[in-house]
C-alpha atoms as a PDB file:
ATOM      1  CA  GLN A   1     -59.442 -55.657 106.497  1.00  0.00           C
ATOM      2  CA  LEU A   2     -57.900 -52.338 105.592  1.00  0.00           C
ATOM      3  CA  ALA A   3     -60.079 -52.104 102.299  1.00  0.00           C
ATOM      4  CA  PHE A   4     -63.071 -52.437 104.395  1.00  0.00           C
ATOM      5  CA  LEU A   5     -62.049 -49.885 106.418  1.00  0.00           C
ATOM      6  CA  GLY A   6     -61.416 -47.611 103.596  1.00  0.00           C
ATOM      7  CA  GLN A   7     -65.085 -48.407 102.161  1.00  0.00           C
ATOM      8  CA  ILE A   8     -66.897 -47.627 105.865  1.00  0.00           C
ATOM      9  CA  VAL A   9     -64.551 -44.311 105.790  1.00  0.00           C
ATOM     10  CA  THR A  10     -65.532 -43.347 102.566  1.00  0.00           C
ATOM     11  CA  ARG A  11     -68.973 -43.910 102.529  1.00  0.00           C
ATOM     12  CA  ASN A  12     -69.545 -42.311 105.907  1.00  0.00           C
ATOM     13  CA  GLY A  13     -68.490 -38.952 103.640  1.00  0.00           C
ATOM     14  CA  ILE A  14     -64.836 -38.774 105.171  1.00  0.00           C
ATOM     15  CA  HIS A  15     -62.353 -37.604 102.338  1.00  0.00           C
ATOM     16  CA  LEU A  16     -58.921 -36.493 102.116  1.00  0.00           C
ATOM     17  CA  SER A  17     -58.900 -32.572 101.728  1.00  0.00           C
ATOM     18  CA  GLY A  18     -57.375 -30.910  98.979  1.00  0.00           C
ATOM     19  CA  ASP A  19     -57.061 -31.815  94.886  1.00  0.00           C
ATOM     20  CA  ILE A  20     -56.182 -35.074  93.746  1.00  0.00           C
ATOM     21  CA  ASP A  21     -55.173 -33.375  90.358  1.00  0.00           C
ATOM     22  CA  TYR A  22     -54.000 -29.702  89.244  1.00  0.00           C
ATOM     23  CA  ALA A  23     -57.232 -29.272  86.960  1.00  0.00           C
ATOM     24  CA  GLY A  24     -58.604 -28.458  90.819  1.00  0.00           C
ATOM     25  CA  ASN A  25     -60.753 -32.007  90.899  1.00  0.00           C
ATOM     26  CA  SER A  26     -61.084 -32.525  94.608  1.00  0.00           C
ATOM     27  CA  PHE A  27     -61.035 -35.889  96.229  1.00  0.00           C
ATOM     28  CA  ASP A  28     -64.497 -35.703  97.401  1.00  0.00           C
ATOM     29  CA  SER A  29     -65.510 -34.803  93.761  1.00  0.00           C
ATOM     30  CA  PHE A  30     -65.310 -38.546  92.723  1.00  0.00           C
ATOM     31  CA  PRO A  31     -67.798 -41.178  93.977  1.00  0.00           C
ATOM     32  CA  ASN A  32     -67.128 -44.070  96.363  1.00  0.00           C
ATOM     33  CA  GLY A  33     -66.949 -47.945  95.441  1.00  0.00           C
ATOM     34  CA  TRP A  34     -67.226 -49.345  91.873  1.00  0.00           C
ATOM     35  CA  ALA A  35     -68.947 -45.811  90.666  1.00  0.00           C
ATOM     36  CA  ALA A  36     -65.307 -44.386  91.134  1.00  0.00           C
ATOM     37  CA  VAL A  37     -63.692 -46.792  88.705  1.00  0.00           C
ATOM     38  CA  SER A  38     -66.897 -47.131  86.022  1.00  0.00           C
ATOM     39  CA  GLY A  39     -69.613 -44.000  85.157  1.00  0.00           C
ATOM     40  CA  PRO A  40     -69.560 -40.559  84.355  1.00  0.00           C
ATOM     41  CA  ASP A  41     -67.751 -39.303  87.294  1.00  0.00           C
ATOM     42  CA  ALA A  42     -65.145 -41.953  87.136  1.00  0.00           C
ATOM     43  CA  ILE A  43     -61.419 -41.128  88.007  1.00  0.00           C
ATOM     44  CA  PRO A  44     -59.970 -40.570  84.668  1.00  0.00           C
ATOM     45  CA  SER A  45     -58.142 -43.171  82.862  1.00  0.00           C
ATOM     46  CA  ALA A  46     -54.973 -41.751  82.903  1.00  0.00           C
ATOM     47  CA  GLY A  47     -55.422 -41.851  86.620  1.00  0.00           C
ATOM     48  CA  ALA A  48     -56.391 -45.331  86.619  1.00  0.00           C
ATOM     49  CA  ALA A  49     -53.298 -46.338  84.827  1.00  0.00           C
ATOM     50  CA  GLN A  50     -51.094 -44.482  87.361  1.00  0.00           C
ATOM     51  CA  ILE A  51     -52.558 -46.316  89.932  1.00  0.00           C
ATOM     52  CA  PHE A  52     -52.526 -49.419  88.126  1.00  0.00           C
ATOM     53  CA  ALA A  53     -48.834 -48.935  87.133  1.00  0.00           C
ATOM     54  CA  PHE A  54     -47.836 -48.026  91.073  1.00  0.00           C
ATOM     55  CA  VAL A  55     -49.281 -51.295  92.140  1.00  0.00           C
ATOM     56  CA  GLY A  56     -47.814 -53.282  89.658  1.00  0.00           C
ATOM     57  CA  ALA A  57     -44.304 -51.790  90.790  1.00  0.00           C
ATOM     58  CA  LEU A  58     -44.864 -52.615  94.087  1.00  0.00           C
ATOM     59  CA  GLU A  59     -45.810 -55.904  93.398  1.00  0.00           C
ATOM     60  CA  LEU A  60     -42.864 -56.733  90.805  1.00  0.00           C
ATOM     61  CA  GLY A  61     -39.991 -54.688  92.655  1.00  0.00           C
ATOM     62  CA  VAL A  62     -40.732 -54.265  96.109  1.00  0.00           C
ATOM     63  CA  MET A  63     -43.245 -56.823  97.967  1.00  0.00           C
ATOM     64  CA  LYS A  64     -41.210 -59.732  96.853  1.00  0.00           C
ATOM     65  CA  ASP A  65     -40.762 -62.842  98.913  1.00  0.00           C
ATOM     66  CA  ILE A  66     -37.299 -63.640  98.876  1.00  0.00           C
ATOM     67  CA  GLU A  67     -36.220 -66.951 100.441  1.00  0.00           C
ATOM     68  CA  GLY A  68     -33.482 -67.150 103.606  1.00  0.00           C
ATOM     69  CA  THR A  69     -33.638 -62.986 104.372  1.00  0.00           C
ATOM     70  CA  GLY A  70     -35.241 -63.973 107.815  1.00  0.00           C
ATOM     71  CA  ASN A  71     -39.290 -64.228 106.491  1.00  0.00           C
ATOM     72  CA  GLU A  72     -41.230 -66.361 109.202  1.00  0.00           C
ATOM     73  CA  PHE A  73     -44.373 -66.908 107.348  1.00  0.00           C
ATOM     74  CA  VAL A  74     -46.005 -66.994 103.854  1.00  0.00           C
ATOM     75  CA  GLY A  75     -46.502 -63.270 102.677  1.00  0.00           C
ATOM     76  CA  ASP A  76     -44.111 -61.690 105.566  1.00  0.00           C
ATOM     77  CA  PHE A  77     -42.412 -59.147 102.832  1.00  0.00           C
ATOM     78  CA  ARG A  78     -39.617 -57.549 105.403  1.00  0.00           C
ATOM     79  CA  ASN A  79     -36.984 -59.605 103.858  1.00  0.00           C
ATOM     80  CA  GLY A  80     -35.094 -58.632 106.545  1.00  0.00           C
ATOM     81  CA  ALA A  81     -35.510 -55.227 106.191  1.00  0.00           C
ATOM     82  CA  LEU A  82     -37.938 -53.897 109.018  1.00  0.00           C
ATOM     83  CA  ASP A  83     -37.853 -55.653 112.631  1.00  0.00           C
ATOM     84  CA  PHE A  84     -39.979 -54.333 114.907  1.00  0.00           C
ATOM     85  CA  GLY A  85     -39.694 -57.164 117.291  1.00  0.00           C
ATOM     86  CA  TRP A  86     -42.257 -59.581 115.904  1.00  0.00           C
ATOM     87  CA  ASP A  87     -39.782 -62.879 116.575  1.00  0.00           C
ATOM     88  CA  THR A  88     -39.700 -61.772 120.392  1.00  0.00           C
ATOM     89  CA  PHE A  89     -43.463 -62.262 120.695  1.00  0.00           C
ATOM     90  CA  ASP A  90     -44.839 -65.852 121.964  1.00  0.00           C
ATOM     91  CA  GLU A  91     -46.868 -67.827 119.613  1.00  0.00           C
ATOM     92  CA  GLU A  92     -50.556 -66.743 121.318  1.00  0.00           C
ATOM     93  CA  THR A  93     -49.581 -62.948 120.887  1.00  0.00           C
ATOM     94  CA  LYS A  94     -48.464 -63.620 116.954  1.00  0.00           C
ATOM     95  CA  LEU A  95     -52.220 -64.630 116.534  1.00  0.00           C
END
């Protein structure tokens, strides 16, 4: 859902203000969608590698499903660290 919302927002022309790098390239200077990955105006390969490495670090180091730490369902990555009161909701509210 978040990726869908991101597509809708950027295709509507709403971008972060400021520069994405020290060379002065602004966030809105890159195209939307797949064109940002492949094409003449795409994000530089070093930037794409940084994004890939960051996501990989999150997947391998942070977003782990550790058994026995209070996980209530598959994909619950809180691992006992965050508790926003989810367990106090009834089943209908959780859905």
